Every structure is written in C-alpha cells, then in structure tokens.
N, C-alpha and C. Protein backbone atom coordinates (compact mmCIF):
# COMPACT_ATOMS: atom_id res chain seq x y z
N MET A 1 34.72 14.25 -14.24
CA MET A 1 35.00 13.41 -13.10
C MET A 1 34.44 12.01 -13.37
N ALA A 2 35.23 11.01 -13.25
CA ALA A 2 34.83 9.63 -13.51
C ALA A 2 34.03 9.07 -12.33
N ARG A 3 33.02 8.28 -12.65
CA ARG A 3 32.21 7.64 -11.61
C ARG A 3 32.88 6.36 -11.15
N LYS A 4 32.74 6.10 -9.87
CA LYS A 4 33.26 4.85 -9.33
C LYS A 4 32.23 3.75 -9.53
N GLU A 5 32.66 2.52 -9.57
CA GLU A 5 31.76 1.39 -9.70
C GLU A 5 30.79 1.33 -8.53
N THR A 6 31.19 1.77 -7.36
CA THR A 6 30.36 1.65 -6.16
C THR A 6 29.27 2.72 -6.08
N ASP A 7 29.21 3.66 -7.02
CA ASP A 7 28.19 4.70 -7.02
C ASP A 7 26.80 4.15 -7.34
N HIS A 8 26.72 3.01 -8.00
CA HIS A 8 25.45 2.45 -8.43
C HIS A 8 25.08 1.26 -7.54
N PRO A 9 23.80 1.14 -7.19
CA PRO A 9 23.38 0.00 -6.37
C PRO A 9 23.45 -1.30 -7.16
N ASP A 10 23.53 -2.39 -6.45
CA ASP A 10 23.53 -3.72 -7.06
C ASP A 10 22.12 -4.02 -7.55
N TYR A 11 21.94 -4.14 -8.86
CA TYR A 11 20.64 -4.34 -9.48
C TYR A 11 20.61 -5.75 -10.03
N HIS A 12 19.71 -6.61 -9.50
CA HIS A 12 19.73 -8.03 -9.82
C HIS A 12 18.31 -8.59 -9.86
N PHE A 13 18.17 -9.87 -10.22
CA PHE A 13 16.87 -10.52 -10.29
C PHE A 13 16.46 -11.09 -8.94
N ILE A 14 15.17 -10.86 -8.58
CA ILE A 14 14.58 -11.47 -7.39
C ILE A 14 13.21 -12.03 -7.78
N LYS A 15 12.67 -12.90 -6.93
CA LYS A 15 11.32 -13.43 -7.14
C LYS A 15 10.37 -12.71 -6.19
N VAL A 16 9.24 -12.20 -6.71
CA VAL A 16 8.22 -11.55 -5.90
C VAL A 16 7.04 -12.50 -5.81
N VAL A 17 6.57 -12.75 -4.55
CA VAL A 17 5.42 -13.63 -4.33
C VAL A 17 4.27 -12.78 -3.81
N MET A 18 3.18 -12.75 -4.58
CA MET A 18 2.00 -11.97 -4.22
C MET A 18 1.23 -12.70 -3.11
N THR A 19 0.24 -12.02 -2.52
CA THR A 19 -0.52 -12.62 -1.42
C THR A 19 -1.34 -13.83 -1.86
N ASP A 20 -1.72 -13.90 -3.13
CA ASP A 20 -2.49 -15.05 -3.61
C ASP A 20 -1.61 -16.20 -4.08
N GLY A 21 -0.28 -16.05 -3.93
CA GLY A 21 0.65 -17.12 -4.27
C GLY A 21 1.27 -17.01 -5.65
N THR A 22 0.78 -16.12 -6.50
CA THR A 22 1.40 -15.96 -7.81
C THR A 22 2.80 -15.38 -7.65
N GLU A 23 3.67 -15.76 -8.55
CA GLU A 23 5.07 -15.34 -8.49
C GLU A 23 5.50 -14.74 -9.81
N TYR A 24 6.46 -13.85 -9.74
CA TYR A 24 7.09 -13.35 -10.95
C TYR A 24 8.50 -12.89 -10.63
N MET A 25 9.33 -12.87 -11.65
CA MET A 25 10.71 -12.43 -11.51
C MET A 25 10.80 -10.98 -11.96
N THR A 26 11.60 -10.20 -11.24
CA THR A 26 11.81 -8.81 -11.60
C THR A 26 13.21 -8.40 -11.17
N ARG A 27 13.65 -7.27 -11.67
CA ARG A 27 14.95 -6.74 -11.26
C ARG A 27 14.73 -5.76 -10.12
N SER A 28 15.62 -5.77 -9.14
CA SER A 28 15.45 -4.93 -7.96
C SER A 28 16.79 -4.72 -7.27
N THR A 29 16.81 -3.76 -6.35
CA THR A 29 17.97 -3.58 -5.48
C THR A 29 17.73 -4.25 -4.13
N TYR A 30 16.55 -4.89 -3.95
CA TYR A 30 16.21 -5.59 -2.71
C TYR A 30 17.09 -6.82 -2.54
N GLY A 31 17.63 -7.02 -1.35
CA GLY A 31 18.38 -8.23 -1.03
C GLY A 31 19.53 -8.50 -1.96
N LYS A 32 19.66 -9.78 -2.32
CA LYS A 32 20.72 -10.19 -3.24
C LYS A 32 20.13 -11.09 -4.33
N GLU A 33 20.89 -11.41 -5.32
CA GLU A 33 20.44 -12.22 -6.45
C GLU A 33 19.74 -13.48 -5.95
N GLY A 34 18.51 -13.72 -6.47
CA GLY A 34 17.77 -14.93 -6.14
C GLY A 34 16.92 -14.85 -4.88
N ASP A 35 16.95 -13.74 -4.14
CA ASP A 35 16.12 -13.61 -2.94
C ASP A 35 14.64 -13.60 -3.31
N VAL A 36 13.79 -13.91 -2.31
CA VAL A 36 12.34 -13.92 -2.50
C VAL A 36 11.74 -12.81 -1.66
N LEU A 37 10.88 -11.99 -2.28
CA LEU A 37 10.17 -10.92 -1.58
C LEU A 37 8.71 -11.33 -1.48
N ASN A 38 8.25 -11.65 -0.25
CA ASN A 38 6.85 -12.02 -0.01
C ASN A 38 6.07 -10.77 0.37
N LEU A 39 5.05 -10.45 -0.43
CA LEU A 39 4.27 -9.25 -0.20
C LEU A 39 3.15 -9.50 0.80
N ASP A 40 2.94 -8.56 1.73
CA ASP A 40 1.82 -8.63 2.66
C ASP A 40 0.60 -7.96 2.06
N ILE A 41 0.82 -6.94 1.25
CA ILE A 41 -0.24 -6.19 0.57
C ILE A 41 0.17 -6.05 -0.88
N ASP A 42 -0.75 -6.32 -1.78
CA ASP A 42 -0.44 -6.15 -3.19
C ASP A 42 -1.66 -5.65 -3.96
N PRO A 43 -1.48 -5.26 -5.21
CA PRO A 43 -2.59 -4.68 -5.99
C PRO A 43 -3.78 -5.61 -6.17
N SER A 44 -3.61 -6.92 -6.01
CA SER A 44 -4.75 -7.82 -6.21
C SER A 44 -5.66 -7.87 -4.98
N THR A 45 -5.20 -7.37 -3.83
CA THR A 45 -5.99 -7.48 -2.62
C THR A 45 -6.28 -6.15 -1.93
N HIS A 46 -5.48 -5.14 -2.16
CA HIS A 46 -5.64 -3.89 -1.40
C HIS A 46 -6.75 -3.03 -1.99
N PRO A 47 -7.63 -2.45 -1.13
CA PRO A 47 -8.75 -1.64 -1.62
C PRO A 47 -8.34 -0.43 -2.46
N ALA A 48 -7.14 0.08 -2.27
CA ALA A 48 -6.70 1.24 -3.06
C ALA A 48 -6.63 0.88 -4.54
N TRP A 49 -6.32 -0.37 -4.86
CA TRP A 49 -6.22 -0.79 -6.26
C TRP A 49 -7.48 -1.51 -6.74
N THR A 50 -8.18 -2.20 -5.83
CA THR A 50 -9.33 -3.00 -6.26
C THR A 50 -10.61 -2.20 -6.29
N GLY A 51 -10.61 -0.99 -5.71
CA GLY A 51 -11.81 -0.17 -5.69
C GLY A 51 -12.77 -0.57 -4.59
N GLY A 52 -12.32 -1.42 -3.68
CA GLY A 52 -13.17 -1.87 -2.58
C GLY A 52 -13.38 -0.76 -1.57
N THR A 53 -14.33 -0.99 -0.68
CA THR A 53 -14.60 -0.01 0.36
C THR A 53 -13.86 -0.41 1.62
N GLN A 54 -13.49 0.58 2.37
CA GLN A 54 -12.73 0.35 3.59
C GLN A 54 -13.64 0.60 4.78
N GLN A 55 -13.55 -0.25 5.78
CA GLN A 55 -14.34 -0.10 7.00
C GLN A 55 -13.79 1.06 7.81
N LEU A 56 -14.67 1.89 8.34
CA LEU A 56 -14.27 2.99 9.20
C LEU A 56 -14.33 2.50 10.63
N LEU A 57 -13.17 2.45 11.30
CA LEU A 57 -13.13 1.97 12.68
C LEU A 57 -13.47 3.12 13.61
N ASP A 58 -14.39 2.87 14.52
CA ASP A 58 -14.81 3.88 15.49
C ASP A 58 -14.12 3.56 16.81
N ARG A 59 -12.92 4.06 16.97
CA ARG A 59 -12.16 3.79 18.18
C ARG A 59 -12.54 4.78 19.26
N GLY A 60 -13.00 4.26 20.36
CA GLY A 60 -13.37 5.10 21.49
C GLY A 60 -14.61 5.93 21.25
N GLY A 61 -15.43 5.58 20.26
CA GLY A 61 -16.66 6.30 20.00
C GLY A 61 -16.47 7.67 19.40
N ARG A 62 -15.31 7.94 18.82
CA ARG A 62 -15.03 9.28 18.29
C ARG A 62 -15.95 9.65 17.14
N VAL A 63 -16.16 8.70 16.22
CA VAL A 63 -17.02 8.99 15.06
C VAL A 63 -18.45 9.19 15.53
N SER A 64 -18.91 8.35 16.44
CA SER A 64 -20.27 8.49 16.97
C SER A 64 -20.44 9.82 17.69
N ARG A 65 -19.45 10.19 18.48
CA ARG A 65 -19.52 11.45 19.22
C ARG A 65 -19.53 12.64 18.25
N PHE A 66 -18.71 12.57 17.20
CA PHE A 66 -18.70 13.64 16.20
C PHE A 66 -20.06 13.75 15.52
N ASN A 67 -20.60 12.61 15.09
CA ASN A 67 -21.89 12.62 14.40
C ASN A 67 -23.01 13.13 15.30
N SER A 68 -22.97 12.79 16.58
CA SER A 68 -24.03 13.26 17.48
C SER A 68 -23.93 14.77 17.71
N ARG A 69 -22.73 15.31 17.69
CA ARG A 69 -22.54 16.75 17.91
C ARG A 69 -22.78 17.57 16.65
N PHE A 70 -22.29 17.06 15.51
CA PHE A 70 -22.29 17.87 14.30
C PHE A 70 -23.09 17.27 13.15
N GLY A 71 -23.76 16.16 13.36
CA GLY A 71 -24.50 15.49 12.29
C GLY A 71 -25.67 16.28 11.76
N ASN A 72 -26.25 17.20 12.57
CA ASN A 72 -27.44 17.95 12.15
C ASN A 72 -27.09 19.22 11.39
N LEU A 73 -25.83 19.58 11.34
CA LEU A 73 -25.45 20.84 10.70
C LEU A 73 -25.65 20.77 9.20
N SER A 74 -26.16 21.82 8.63
CA SER A 74 -26.22 21.91 7.17
C SER A 74 -25.44 23.15 6.76
N PHE A 75 -24.70 23.03 5.73
CA PHE A 75 -23.84 24.12 5.27
C PHE A 75 -24.41 24.71 4.00
N GLY A 76 -25.56 25.36 4.13
CA GLY A 76 -26.19 25.96 2.96
C GLY A 76 -27.27 25.03 2.40
N ALA A 77 -28.04 25.56 1.48
CA ALA A 77 -29.13 24.79 0.89
C ALA A 77 -28.55 23.75 -0.08
N LYS A 78 -29.09 22.54 0.00
CA LYS A 78 -28.68 21.48 -0.95
C LYS A 78 -29.49 21.65 -2.22
N LYS A 79 -28.81 21.48 -3.34
CA LYS A 79 -29.49 21.64 -4.63
C LYS A 79 -29.72 20.33 -5.27
C-alpha cells in the first residue's frame, strides 16, 4: 500500500529562544517555517536540569499539620 504525501507532518526550521535570550535553529513540526518558539522553562533555568532545590509550598498549613501529627513517628531503629 502506497503512502500518501499527507501522512507525514510538515517538518521545517524554526527558531527557539531560551529564557536567557539565547537562540538556536532547529527542525520541528511546531508552527510553520520561520516561526519563533519562546520558551518559558528551559534546561538552563529549571531545577530538574540544574540540580537546584525546589521550595515546598505549605498551602493551608497541610505540611505543618502533617509534621505535627506524624513528625515524631519512627519506623524502626536507625542505623
């Protein structure tokens, strides 16, 4: 069975702009030829890639309430 031309997505060059302003050209199916993709999160800033620590938000005191209820529990002897 022969494939139709429309079976494949349009693969073209776009410009990607990182959060620090650096740019590079890559091939993508995003948008159309020459479009610009501005990233909100990228490997140069996100803690998942940089190894940074993430702040734990205590919304409504849930973490505090958990720690006050279960913070004293020990699950066996520590070695």
